[in-house]
Protein backbone atom coordinates (compact mmCIF):
# COMPACT_ATOMS: atom_id res chain seq x y z
CA MET A 1 63.94 134.26 74.57
CA THR A 2 60.31 135.12 74.77
CA THR A 3 56.73 134.44 75.32
CA PRO A 4 52.60 134.58 74.73
CA SER A 5 50.38 137.14 74.51
CA PRO A 6 51.54 140.64 75.55
CA SER A 7 49.20 140.36 78.99
CA PRO A 8 50.56 141.93 81.76
CA SER A 9 50.55 139.70 85.07
CA SER A 10 52.41 139.91 88.66
CA SER A 11 52.63 135.77 88.49
CA PRO A 12 54.46 133.96 86.74
CA ALA A 13 52.85 132.49 83.25
CA PRO A 14 52.60 128.94 83.45
CA GLY A 15 55.94 127.23 82.22
CA LEU A 16 58.22 129.35 83.99
CA SER A 17 58.08 127.51 87.56
CA SER A 18 61.27 126.61 88.88
CA SER A 19 59.94 123.51 90.46
CA PRO A 20 62.25 120.74 89.42
CA ALA A 21 59.15 118.81 87.48
CA HIS A 22 59.03 122.08 85.19
CA HIS A 23 62.56 122.59 84.94
CA ALA A 24 62.35 118.56 83.34
CA LEU A 25 59.31 119.25 81.54
CA ARG A 26 60.83 122.55 79.49
CA ALA A 27 64.38 120.87 79.19
CA ARG A 28 62.04 117.81 77.52
CA SER A 29 60.69 120.41 75.00
CA PHE A 30 63.41 120.67 72.52
CA ASP A 31 62.82 117.32 71.09
CA THR A 32 59.13 118.57 69.74
CA ALA A 33 60.93 121.63 68.02
CA ALA A 34 64.30 119.89 66.68
CA ALA A 35 64.25 121.23 63.29
CA GLN A 36 62.64 124.51 63.97
CA TYR A 37 65.59 124.94 66.27
CA ALA A 38 68.14 123.57 63.92
CA ALA A 39 66.64 125.61 61.25
CA ASN A 40 66.48 129.38 62.89
CA ARG A 41 68.59 129.74 66.11
CA PRO A 42 71.58 131.72 65.96
CA SER A 43 75.00 129.88 65.64
CA TYR A 44 78.46 131.71 67.13
CA PRO A 45 80.85 133.99 66.16
CA THR A 46 84.06 132.57 64.81
CA ALA A 47 85.87 134.82 67.22
CA LEU A 48 84.07 133.23 70.02
CA LEU A 49 86.14 129.96 69.06
CA ASP A 50 89.47 132.27 69.31
CA GLU A 51 88.59 133.83 72.91
CA ILE A 52 88.25 129.94 73.81
CA GLU A 53 91.85 128.90 72.70
CA ALA A 54 93.65 132.34 73.84
CA VAL A 55 92.33 131.56 77.52
CA ALA A 56 92.65 127.92 77.36
CA GLY A 57 96.04 128.56 75.81
CA HIS A 58 95.80 125.70 73.60
CA PRO A 59 94.38 125.01 69.94
CA LEU A 60 91.05 123.33 69.62
CA ALA A 61 92.35 121.91 66.26
CA GLY A 62 93.15 117.89 67.18
CA ALA A 63 92.04 118.68 70.27
CA ARG A 64 89.69 116.07 71.87
CA VAL A 65 86.30 117.66 73.08
CA ILE A 66 83.36 116.83 73.91
CA ASP A 67 80.59 118.81 73.45
CA VAL A 68 77.61 118.55 76.05
CA GLY A 69 73.70 119.56 75.15
CA ALA A 70 74.88 119.62 71.83
CA GLY A 71 71.07 119.79 71.04
CA THR A 72 70.95 120.03 66.94
CA GLY A 73 74.52 120.46 67.07
CA ILE A 74 74.99 124.19 66.31
CA SER A 75 78.45 124.26 68.22
CA THR A 76 79.29 120.81 67.50
CA ALA A 77 79.71 121.99 63.85
CA LEU A 78 81.67 125.15 64.59
CA LEU A 79 83.66 123.17 66.59
CA HIS A 80 84.43 120.00 63.89
CA ALA A 81 84.38 123.03 61.53
CA ARG A 82 87.79 124.21 63.30
CA GLY A 83 89.81 120.82 63.24
CA ALA A 84 88.41 119.43 66.86
CA ARG A 85 88.03 115.86 67.40
CA VAL A 86 84.31 116.73 68.47
CA VAL A 87 81.88 113.98 70.25
CA GLY A 88 78.35 115.33 70.64
CA VAL A 89 76.28 114.61 73.91
CA GLU A 90 72.48 114.99 73.61
CA PRO A 91 69.92 113.46 75.82
CA GLY A 92 66.85 114.41 73.69
CA GLU A 93 66.07 111.91 70.86
CA GLY A 94 64.84 114.25 68.81
CA MET A 95 67.74 116.93 69.08
CA ALA A 96 70.21 114.02 68.83
CA ALA A 97 68.15 112.85 65.86
CA GLU A 98 68.10 116.24 64.01
CA PHE A 99 71.78 116.34 65.04
CA HIS A 100 72.57 112.85 63.26
CA ARG A 101 70.13 114.53 60.44
CA GLY A 102 72.91 117.48 59.80
CA LEU A 103 75.82 116.22 61.11
CA PRO A 104 76.11 112.24 59.89
CA ASP A 105 80.00 112.52 60.17
CA VAL A 106 80.09 113.43 63.58
CA PRO A 107 79.59 110.83 66.78
CA VAL A 108 76.95 112.19 68.95
CA VAL A 109 75.77 109.61 72.54
CA ARG A 110 73.23 110.10 74.83
CA GLY A 111 73.66 111.67 77.83
CA ASP A 112 73.76 114.58 79.89
CA GLY A 113 76.37 116.94 81.88
CA ASN A 114 75.25 115.06 85.64
CA ALA A 115 77.36 111.40 84.27
CA LEU A 116 79.41 111.63 80.93
CA PRO A 117 79.91 108.54 79.50
CA PHE A 118 83.52 108.94 78.50
CA ALA A 119 86.28 107.91 80.77
CA ASP A 120 88.39 109.81 82.90
CA GLY A 121 91.18 111.94 81.95
CA SER A 122 89.79 111.12 78.26
CA ALA A 123 89.13 115.41 76.72
CA ASP A 124 90.85 118.35 75.85
CA PHE A 125 88.11 120.26 76.14
CA VAL A 126 84.24 119.90 77.84
CA THR A 127 82.07 122.26 76.29
CA TYR A 128 78.66 123.85 76.98
CA ALA A 129 76.84 125.93 74.20
CA GLN A 130 73.67 127.37 76.03
CA SER A 131 72.76 124.07 77.87
CA TRP A 132 75.24 124.39 81.42
CA HIS A 133 71.88 125.48 82.62
CA TRP A 134 70.55 122.70 82.46
CA THR A 135 72.59 120.77 84.59
CA GLU A 136 73.08 120.18 88.20
CA PRO A 137 76.42 122.43 89.02
CA ALA A 138 77.45 120.11 92.33
CA ARG A 139 77.19 116.85 90.00
CA ALA A 140 77.99 118.43 86.12
CA VAL A 141 81.30 120.18 87.72
CA PRO A 142 83.52 117.12 88.98
CA GLU A 143 81.92 115.12 85.81
CA ALA A 144 83.80 117.82 83.75
CA LEU A 145 87.09 117.81 85.64
CA ARG A 146 86.86 114.16 85.42
CA VAL A 147 86.95 113.99 81.86
CA LEU A 148 89.17 116.12 81.14
CA ARG A 149 92.45 115.42 81.50
CA PRO A 150 95.26 117.71 83.48
CA GLY A 151 95.37 121.24 81.73
CA GLY A 152 92.21 120.46 79.93
CA SER A 153 89.40 123.35 79.40
CA LEU A 154 86.10 123.72 80.62
CA ALA A 155 84.19 125.86 78.37
CA LEU A 156 80.53 127.52 79.08
CA TRP A 157 78.56 129.87 76.56
CA TRP A 158 75.66 131.70 76.12
CA ASN A 159 74.23 134.00 73.44
CA THR A 160 72.51 136.74 75.06
CA ASN A 161 70.43 139.10 74.16
CA ALA A 162 71.76 142.91 73.70
CA VAL A 163 70.31 144.79 75.69
CA ASP A 164 71.28 148.27 74.81
CA VAL A 165 69.32 147.93 71.53
CA PRO A 166 66.80 150.05 71.63
CA TRP A 167 64.38 147.20 69.37
CA ILE A 168 65.38 144.79 71.67
CA ALA A 169 64.67 145.97 75.45
CA ARG A 170 61.37 146.79 73.87
CA GLN A 171 60.59 143.46 73.03
CA GLY A 172 62.01 142.15 76.55
CA GLY A 173 60.01 144.41 77.88
CA ARG A 174 56.86 143.10 76.42
CA ILE A 175 57.88 139.35 77.28
CA GLN A 176 58.48 140.99 80.77
CA ARG A 177 55.39 142.03 80.77
CA HIS A 178 53.74 139.14 79.56
CA PHE A 179 55.40 136.23 81.80
CA GLY A 180 55.66 138.72 85.17
CA ILE A 181 59.23 138.19 85.29
CA ASP A 182 62.39 140.85 86.02
CA ARG A 183 64.43 139.96 83.38
CA VAL A 184 64.46 138.48 79.82
CA GLY A 185 67.03 135.77 79.29
CA GLY A 186 68.36 134.82 83.08
CA LEU A 187 71.41 135.82 84.48
CA GLN A 188 74.00 138.43 82.22
CA GLY A 189 77.08 139.38 83.17
CA ALA A 190 80.74 137.70 84.53
CA ALA A 191 79.50 137.55 88.32
CA PRO A 192 75.89 136.52 88.11
CA ARG A 193 77.02 133.64 85.71
CA THR A 194 80.41 132.56 87.38
CA ALA A 195 78.39 132.04 90.92
CA ALA A 196 75.48 130.87 89.03
CA ALA A 197 77.78 128.20 86.83
CA ASP A 198 79.59 126.90 90.01
CA PRO A 199 77.94 127.87 93.30
CA THR A 200 80.62 126.31 95.01
CA GLY A 201 83.68 128.39 93.34
CA SER A 202 85.89 125.30 93.39
CA LEU A 203 86.46 126.60 89.80
CA ASP A 204 89.01 129.39 88.55
CA PHE A 205 86.54 130.78 85.14
CA THR A 206 87.67 133.47 83.23
CA PRO A 207 84.83 135.52 81.99
CA ARG A 208 84.59 137.00 78.38
CA THR A 209 82.35 138.35 75.83
CA VAL A 210 81.90 138.73 72.45
CA ARG A 211 79.53 141.30 70.58
CA TRP A 212 77.55 139.92 67.04
CA SER A 213 74.89 139.96 65.01
CA ARG A 214 72.92 138.31 62.45
CA ARG A 215 70.27 140.24 59.86
CA VAL A 216 67.51 137.60 59.57
CA PRO A 217 63.68 138.00 58.02
CA VAL A 218 61.12 138.98 61.04
CA ASP A 219 59.48 135.25 60.44
CA THR A 220 63.08 134.32 61.20
CA HIS A 221 63.29 135.66 64.44
CA LEU A 222 59.99 134.64 65.44
CA ALA A 223 60.65 131.19 64.91
CA ASN A 224 64.19 131.36 66.94
CA ILE A 225 62.63 133.26 69.73
CA GLY A 226 59.56 130.19 69.60
CA SER A 227 62.07 127.52 69.57
CA HIS A 228 62.82 128.95 73.62
CA SER A 229 61.50 126.59 76.21
CA VAL A 230 58.92 129.04 77.71
CA PHE A 231 57.45 128.89 74.35
CA LEU A 232 57.05 125.09 73.73
CA VAL A 233 55.55 124.34 76.84
CA LEU A 234 52.46 126.44 75.85
CA GLY A 235 51.75 124.45 72.32
CA GLU A 236 50.98 125.67 69.27
CA GLU A 237 48.04 127.56 70.22
CA GLY A 238 49.29 129.29 73.51
CA ALA A 239 52.99 130.58 71.73
CA ALA A 240 51.06 131.47 68.18
CA ALA A 241 48.67 134.00 69.96
CA PHE A 242 52.20 136.10 71.20
CA LEU A 243 53.86 135.64 68.46
CA THR A 244 51.26 136.93 65.72
CA GLU A 245 50.78 140.27 68.02
CA GLU A 246 54.83 140.32 68.10
CA ARG A 247 54.93 139.93 64.26
CA GLY A 248 52.83 143.16 63.92
CA HIS A 249 55.54 145.06 66.33
CA LEU A 250 58.48 144.01 64.87
CA LEU A 251 56.88 144.78 61.08
CA ALA A 252 56.01 148.42 62.37
CA GLU A 253 59.69 148.61 63.49
CA PHE A 254 61.13 146.86 60.51
CA PRO A 255 58.85 147.28 57.17
CA ASP A 256 61.91 145.42 54.74
CA GLY A 257 61.14 142.34 57.39
CA PHE A 258 64.62 142.15 58.21
CA VAL A 259 65.99 142.10 61.51
CA GLU A 260 69.28 142.72 63.20
CA GLU A 261 69.39 140.31 66.25
CA THR A 262 72.34 141.32 68.16
CA TYR A 263 73.97 138.95 70.84
CA VAL A 264 76.50 139.22 73.33
CA VAL A 265 78.29 135.95 73.96
CA GLU A 266 79.12 135.73 77.49
CA LEU A 267 81.92 132.84 78.00
CA LEU A 268 83.25 131.41 80.72
CA VAL A 269 86.57 129.15 80.79
CA ALA A 270 87.69 127.56 83.66
CA ALA A 271 91.00 124.89 83.43
CA ARG A 272 91.40 121.30 85.16
CA PRO A 273 93.66 121.61 87.44
């Protein structure tokens, strides 16, 4: 969730436009960096799956799960390991190819949440890991409800930066100054997440949070943040300036060359009536 060379600006940097064209450009940008994404993005803690099962009231093991916006298969792999009968849905060719390389025995189909290629009532869970914000909720909500069986659950979740950690807050400030934005990482907290997830208010979401961390080399952390769409739309040269300067900041804070990334997973679960 970061950005290029820290030049303070009062207007958004290229790639942060909220127009439909820029939104589509950012969504497509992941195909250019699928291998980088797969190698460096964080996964999710097993406690997250425990929370999903607890709120849903039924297990993932043996369940039919449609994992939408599956990307390179980070969340799909966890669901598969849990024993779910999971299929990935991914619109991007490059991301789907990386998914297949990493999970050759798990099916992945091309598609997106606005028009799911599945029969009515065919899923126990529909899941979105870090991907619901790429949908149009007015279309994606009824699609999820259509493919869920009665009592099935829609689960949405996001890794968000733990901004109460001082070094993460400092990095966030550098990103904010460069891009001219007020908040790094988008909406945070149960109320704004719920409102954005379903503006119509037709779903009864139960929110949960799970805090976790991972210790990674500085270069892995930089490759992780560089795999976000706001970097990718700038191209290699545009992103390199910020990442080079950011590497210096991080090594000053972490002279051993390892960073403790801390996340709060924000989870929303709603049952189909």
